Amino acid sequence: MPSRGSRRTYGRIALVLLAAAVTLAALLHVVLGGDHPAAVTPVPSSPSEPLLPGAPALVDPPRPPAATVPPLGFDVSHPQCGSALPAGGGFGIVGIAHGKVLTANPCLKTQLAWANGKPGHAVYLNTGYPGTGDPVAYGRAAVDHAISVEHAVGHGTDVWWLDVETINTWAGTQQQNATVLDAMAAHLQDLGVRVGIYSTPAMWEEIAGSWAPGLPIWYATGPATYAVAVDDCANGFAGATSAIVQWTQRDARLHRIIDRNLICPAWRHRAAELLDVS
């Protein structure tokens, strides 16, 4: 049997343990969402700006006179090198690069001649960012390279589309990526070129986040039909609805899948905002 002194020591230990247990229970009550009066609901942090500080401002170019071209057209690039190109159509859009930034389409001269023979024509440029270096400087350098490639084989096109796809290299944050795209568009505008965006809503959000420049939209639908393209004229992203919708479909004459495009009804008489028109 313990002595009286031992019993007093055990009693003090028991009181200390009891106090600790009560404190722990109170803490668990708060952590696990109890009705403790001191509980505080976290306030979500405000989202960051879509562009980095110092990103150049885009302009809203004056609207050119009304112009109309046949609303069905095609786009081609390096994958169509050596292949017969689609005949007819109201317009053609040609890829400047070999699928990546700072590259060149080896068939650009031939394909530009094909597009320039239609009532409307334009070019598109693949975009990307490796995640290193100043995004503004990178975007401007990408445009300068593409302009030199295009001028080496042609007279210069006044409407350019920025191709924004996850298949290209995007290793920056959404804010950095959006700033690269902003710098590219602003630099083209500085050179007197009209600019639009080619992408899908999902790819745009993944790459550029919430940035909504409101530029004309070339909406990529994928394998589809004319009817689906018409429906997608009501869709959009990046602060604008579709101006052109692209879909892929097999061509019976060429015996292969080709890219078809439709100018949306709301833009039928605004073709000069989307294409060089003759």
Protein backbone atom coordinates (compact mmCIF):
# COMPACT_ATOMS: atom_id res chain seq x y z
CA MET A 1 0.00 0.00 0.00
CA PRO A 2 1.46 3.46 -0.90
CA SER A 3 2.46 5.88 1.84
CA ARG A 4 0.61 9.16 2.49
CA GLY A 5 3.37 11.11 0.70
CA SER A 6 3.08 8.85 -2.31
CA ARG A 7 -0.67 9.34 -2.36
CA ARG A 8 -0.21 13.16 -2.39
CA THR A 9 2.28 12.85 -5.30
CA TYR A 10 -0.10 10.62 -7.25
CA GLY A 11 -2.89 13.12 -6.61
CA ARG A 12 -0.87 16.03 -8.02
CA ILE A 13 0.03 13.95 -11.10
CA ALA A 14 -3.63 13.04 -11.60
CA LEU A 15 -4.67 16.71 -11.43
CA VAL A 16 -2.01 17.67 -13.99
CA LEU A 17 -3.12 14.86 -16.34
CA LEU A 18 -6.78 15.84 -15.93
CA ALA A 19 -6.02 19.48 -16.79
CA ALA A 20 -4.07 18.40 -19.85
CA ALA A 21 -6.94 16.18 -20.99
CA VAL A 22 -9.46 19.01 -20.63
CA THR A 23 -7.23 21.37 -22.63
CA LEU A 24 -6.72 18.79 -25.39
CA ALA A 25 -10.45 18.14 -25.61
CA ALA A 26 -11.13 21.86 -26.01
CA LEU A 27 -8.56 22.15 -28.76
CA LEU A 28 -9.98 19.16 -30.63
CA HIS A 29 -13.45 20.65 -30.35
CA VAL A 30 -12.31 23.81 -32.16
CA VAL A 31 -10.18 22.03 -34.77
CA LEU A 32 -12.91 19.56 -35.66
CA GLY A 33 -15.48 22.30 -36.23
CA GLY A 34 -17.26 22.56 -32.91
CA ASP A 35 -19.34 25.54 -31.85
CA HIS A 36 -16.55 27.26 -29.94
CA PRO A 37 -17.29 31.01 -29.98
CA ALA A 38 -13.74 31.88 -31.11
CA ALA A 39 -13.92 29.82 -34.37
CA VAL A 40 -13.09 31.95 -37.50
CA THR A 41 -14.12 31.23 -41.11
CA PRO A 42 -11.11 31.60 -43.48
CA VAL A 43 -11.41 34.39 -46.10
CA PRO A 44 -10.39 33.27 -49.60
CA SER A 45 -7.46 35.18 -51.03
CA SER A 46 -8.21 37.42 -54.01
CA PRO A 47 -7.07 36.04 -57.41
CA SER A 48 -3.85 37.37 -58.91
CA GLU A 49 -3.87 39.67 -61.91
CA PRO A 50 -4.03 37.73 -65.21
CA LEU A 51 -0.93 39.55 -66.56
CA LEU A 52 2.44 40.38 -65.04
CA PRO A 53 3.21 44.01 -64.15
CA GLY A 54 4.59 45.83 -67.16
CA ALA A 55 2.69 43.76 -69.73
CA PRO A 56 1.95 45.92 -72.80
CA ALA A 57 -1.56 47.21 -73.39
CA LEU A 58 -3.55 46.02 -76.38
CA VAL A 59 -5.43 48.47 -78.57
CA ASP A 60 -8.89 48.29 -80.08
CA PRO A 61 -8.14 48.88 -83.78
CA PRO A 62 -10.61 50.86 -85.87
CA ARG A 63 -13.13 48.72 -87.70
CA PRO A 64 -12.39 48.47 -91.43
CA PRO A 65 -15.11 48.94 -94.04
CA ALA A 66 -17.63 46.12 -94.36
CA ALA A 67 -16.44 43.25 -96.51
CA THR A 68 -17.80 39.82 -97.37
CA VAL A 69 -16.14 36.65 -98.66
CA PRO A 70 -17.63 33.17 -99.21
CA PRO A 71 -17.95 31.90 -95.62
CA LEU A 72 -16.38 28.43 -96.03
CA GLY A 73 -12.60 28.09 -96.11
CA PHE A 74 -9.60 25.98 -95.13
CA ASP A 75 -6.36 26.16 -93.16
CA VAL A 76 -3.08 24.36 -93.91
CA SER A 77 0.49 24.21 -92.60
CA HIS A 78 3.57 21.98 -92.55
CA PRO A 79 1.59 18.68 -92.21
CA GLN A 80 0.20 19.34 -95.69
CA CYS A 81 3.64 19.77 -97.31
CA GLY A 82 3.69 17.78 -100.55
CA SER A 83 -0.06 17.16 -100.48
CA ALA A 84 -2.72 18.55 -102.78
CA LEU A 85 -4.36 21.55 -101.15
CA PRO A 86 -8.15 22.03 -100.96
CA ALA A 87 -9.66 23.70 -104.00
CA GLY A 88 -12.26 26.42 -103.88
CA GLY A 89 -13.38 28.03 -100.67
CA GLY A 90 -13.67 31.67 -99.76
CA PHE A 91 -10.47 31.91 -97.74
CA GLY A 92 -7.28 30.15 -96.68
CA ILE A 93 -5.22 30.48 -93.49
CA VAL A 94 -1.60 29.30 -93.46
CA GLY A 95 0.67 28.31 -90.57
CA ILE A 96 3.94 30.24 -90.42
CA ALA A 97 5.84 27.82 -88.17
CA HIS A 98 6.71 24.15 -88.19
CA GLY A 99 4.37 23.53 -85.26
CA LYS A 100 6.56 25.29 -82.65
CA VAL A 101 7.73 28.79 -81.79
CA LEU A 102 10.89 30.00 -83.59
CA THR A 103 10.55 27.47 -86.43
CA ALA A 104 9.54 27.82 -90.09
CA ASN A 105 7.03 25.98 -92.27
CA PRO A 106 9.14 24.61 -95.16
CA CYS A 107 6.18 24.88 -97.55
CA LEU A 108 5.20 28.41 -96.56
CA LYS A 109 5.83 30.02 -99.96
CA THR A 110 3.68 27.50 -101.85
CA GLN A 111 0.91 27.59 -99.27
CA LEU A 112 0.84 31.39 -99.11
CA ALA A 113 0.42 31.47 -102.88
CA TRP A 114 -2.51 29.05 -102.51
CA ALA A 115 -4.16 31.21 -99.82
CA ASN A 116 -3.51 34.49 -101.62
CA GLY A 117 -5.42 33.16 -104.61
CA LYS A 118 -8.65 33.14 -102.58
CA PRO A 119 -10.92 36.10 -101.78
CA GLY A 120 -9.62 36.16 -98.21
CA HIS A 121 -6.42 34.95 -96.57
CA ALA A 122 -4.51 35.14 -93.27
CA VAL A 123 -1.68 33.43 -91.39
CA TYR A 124 -1.38 31.82 -87.98
CA LEU A 125 1.55 31.47 -85.61
CA ASN A 126 2.15 28.69 -83.07
CA THR A 127 2.77 30.04 -79.59
CA GLY A 128 4.53 28.75 -76.47
CA TYR A 129 6.84 29.65 -73.59
CA PRO A 130 9.65 27.52 -72.10
CA GLY A 131 9.22 28.96 -68.61
CA THR A 132 12.50 30.90 -68.51
CA GLY A 133 13.38 34.42 -69.54
CA ASP A 134 11.34 37.61 -69.58
CA PRO A 135 7.86 36.77 -70.98
CA VAL A 136 7.48 40.13 -72.72
CA ALA A 137 10.86 39.88 -74.43
CA TYR A 138 10.17 36.27 -75.40
CA GLY A 139 6.83 37.14 -76.97
CA ARG A 140 8.30 40.00 -78.96
CA ALA A 141 11.22 37.85 -80.16
CA ALA A 142 8.82 35.11 -81.30
CA VAL A 143 6.89 37.63 -83.40
CA ASP A 144 10.05 39.16 -84.88
CA HIS A 145 11.23 35.71 -85.96
CA ALA A 146 7.87 34.84 -87.51
CA ILE A 147 7.67 38.18 -89.35
CA SER A 148 11.12 37.60 -90.84
CA VAL A 149 10.10 34.09 -91.95
CA GLU A 150 6.92 35.35 -93.59
CA HIS A 151 8.55 38.36 -95.27
CA ALA A 152 11.27 36.11 -96.72
CA VAL A 153 8.69 34.32 -98.88
CA GLY A 154 5.82 36.81 -99.21
CA HIS A 155 4.79 40.44 -99.19
CA GLY A 156 3.42 40.50 -95.66
CA THR A 157 -0.01 39.56 -94.31
CA ASP A 158 -2.10 42.03 -92.30
CA VAL A 159 -4.15 39.52 -90.24
CA TRP A 160 -2.41 37.05 -87.90
CA TRP A 161 -3.92 34.45 -85.59
CA LEU A 162 -2.11 33.23 -82.47
CA ASP A 163 -2.41 29.43 -82.17
CA VAL A 164 -2.71 28.62 -78.45
CA GLU A 165 -2.60 24.86 -77.84
CA THR A 166 -1.45 22.61 -75.02
CA ILE A 167 0.45 20.45 -77.53
CA ASN A 168 3.01 23.27 -77.72
CA THR A 169 5.53 24.02 -74.96
CA TRP A 170 3.94 25.93 -72.07
CA ALA A 171 6.15 25.71 -68.98
CA GLY A 172 5.32 29.00 -67.28
CA THR A 173 2.60 30.00 -64.87
CA GLN A 174 -0.73 31.07 -66.33
CA GLN A 175 0.25 34.66 -65.60
CA GLN A 176 3.57 34.28 -67.45
CA ASN A 177 1.93 32.45 -70.35
CA ALA A 178 -0.77 35.09 -70.71
CA THR A 179 1.87 37.81 -70.64
CA VAL A 180 3.76 36.11 -73.49
CA LEU A 181 0.56 36.03 -75.56
CA ASP A 182 -0.21 39.63 -74.66
CA ALA A 183 3.30 40.69 -75.73
CA MET A 184 2.94 38.83 -79.04
CA ALA A 185 -0.43 40.41 -79.79
CA ALA A 186 0.71 43.88 -78.77
CA HIS A 187 3.87 43.66 -80.89
CA LEU A 188 1.86 42.56 -83.93
CA GLN A 189 -0.52 45.47 -83.35
CA ASP A 190 2.45 47.83 -83.14
CA LEU A 191 3.44 46.56 -86.60
CA GLY A 192 -0.02 47.40 -87.95
CA VAL A 193 -1.33 43.83 -87.91
CA ARG A 194 -4.78 42.69 -86.79
CA VAL A 195 -4.67 39.82 -84.28
CA GLY A 196 -7.02 36.98 -83.31
CA ILE A 197 -6.83 33.92 -81.03
CA TYR A 198 -7.14 30.26 -82.10
CA SER A 199 -7.81 27.79 -79.28
CA THR A 200 -10.52 26.00 -77.30
CA PRO A 201 -12.05 27.11 -73.99
CA ALA A 202 -10.33 24.30 -72.06
CA MET A 203 -6.89 24.86 -73.58
CA TRP A 204 -7.14 28.62 -73.18
CA GLU A 205 -8.02 28.36 -69.49
CA GLU A 206 -5.25 25.84 -68.82
CA ILE A 207 -2.63 27.99 -70.54
CA ALA A 208 -3.70 31.60 -69.97
CA GLY A 209 -6.06 31.36 -67.00
CA SER A 210 -8.57 34.18 -66.68
CA TRP A 211 -7.00 36.59 -69.17
CA ALA A 212 -9.74 37.88 -71.46
CA PRO A 213 -8.29 40.19 -74.14
CA GLY A 214 -11.51 40.24 -76.19
CA LEU A 215 -9.72 39.61 -79.49
CA PRO A 216 -11.55 37.85 -82.36
CA ILE A 217 -11.86 34.11 -81.71
CA TRP A 218 -11.11 31.22 -84.07
CA TYR A 219 -12.82 28.35 -82.26
CA ALA A 220 -11.39 24.82 -82.72
CA THR A 221 -14.14 22.20 -82.59
CA GLY A 222 -12.27 19.03 -83.68
CA PRO A 223 -13.93 16.20 -85.66
CA ALA A 224 -17.42 17.49 -86.41
CA THR A 225 -19.83 18.65 -89.09
CA TYR A 226 -21.01 21.91 -90.58
CA ALA A 227 -24.05 21.86 -88.29
CA VAL A 228 -21.85 21.54 -85.20
CA ALA A 229 -19.72 24.44 -86.43
CA VAL A 230 -22.78 26.63 -86.79
CA ASP A 231 -23.81 25.80 -83.21
CA ASP A 232 -20.31 26.63 -81.94
CA CYS A 233 -20.62 30.13 -83.34
CA ALA A 234 -22.54 30.84 -80.13
CA ASN A 235 -19.59 29.72 -77.98
CA GLY A 236 -16.33 31.42 -77.18
CA PHE A 237 -13.61 32.15 -74.62
CA ALA A 238 -11.06 34.84 -73.69
CA GLY A 239 -13.76 37.50 -73.52
CA ALA A 240 -15.29 37.02 -76.99
CA THR A 241 -17.61 34.75 -78.96
CA SER A 242 -16.53 32.85 -82.05
CA ALA A 243 -15.78 34.70 -85.28
CA ILE A 244 -14.52 31.62 -87.17
CA VAL A 245 -15.15 27.97 -86.27
CA GLN A 246 -12.83 25.19 -87.42
CA TRP A 247 -13.76 21.53 -87.70
CA THR A 248 -12.05 18.51 -89.21
CA GLN A 249 -13.76 16.26 -91.75
CA ARG A 250 -12.75 13.78 -94.43
CA ASP A 251 -12.56 15.17 -97.95
CA ALA A 252 -13.89 12.74 -100.57
CA ARG A 253 -11.72 14.20 -103.35
CA LEU A 254 -8.48 14.37 -101.39
CA HIS A 255 -9.15 11.10 -99.50
CA ARG A 256 -7.92 12.52 -96.20
CA ILE A 257 -8.99 14.59 -93.22
CA ILE A 258 -8.80 18.34 -93.78
CA ASP A 259 -9.41 21.44 -91.68
CA ARG A 260 -12.59 23.22 -92.66
CA ASN A 261 -13.60 26.66 -91.43
CA LEU A 262 -16.77 28.72 -91.23
CA ILE A 263 -17.09 32.46 -90.78
CA CYS A 264 -19.87 32.85 -88.22
CA PRO A 265 -23.06 34.64 -89.30
CA ALA A 266 -22.46 37.66 -87.04
CA TRP A 267 -19.13 38.25 -88.83
CA ARG A 268 -20.21 37.64 -92.45
CA HIS A 269 -19.91 41.32 -93.35
CA ARG A 270 -16.87 41.88 -91.10
CA ALA A 271 -14.47 39.64 -93.01
CA ALA A 272 -11.83 42.39 -93.20
CA GLU A 273 -11.40 42.11 -89.43
CA LEU A 274 -10.56 38.40 -89.77
CA LEU A 275 -8.77 38.15 -93.13
CA ASP A 276 -6.88 40.09 -95.75
CA VAL A 277 -9.56 40.58 -98.39
CA SER A 278 -8.98 41.28 -102.06
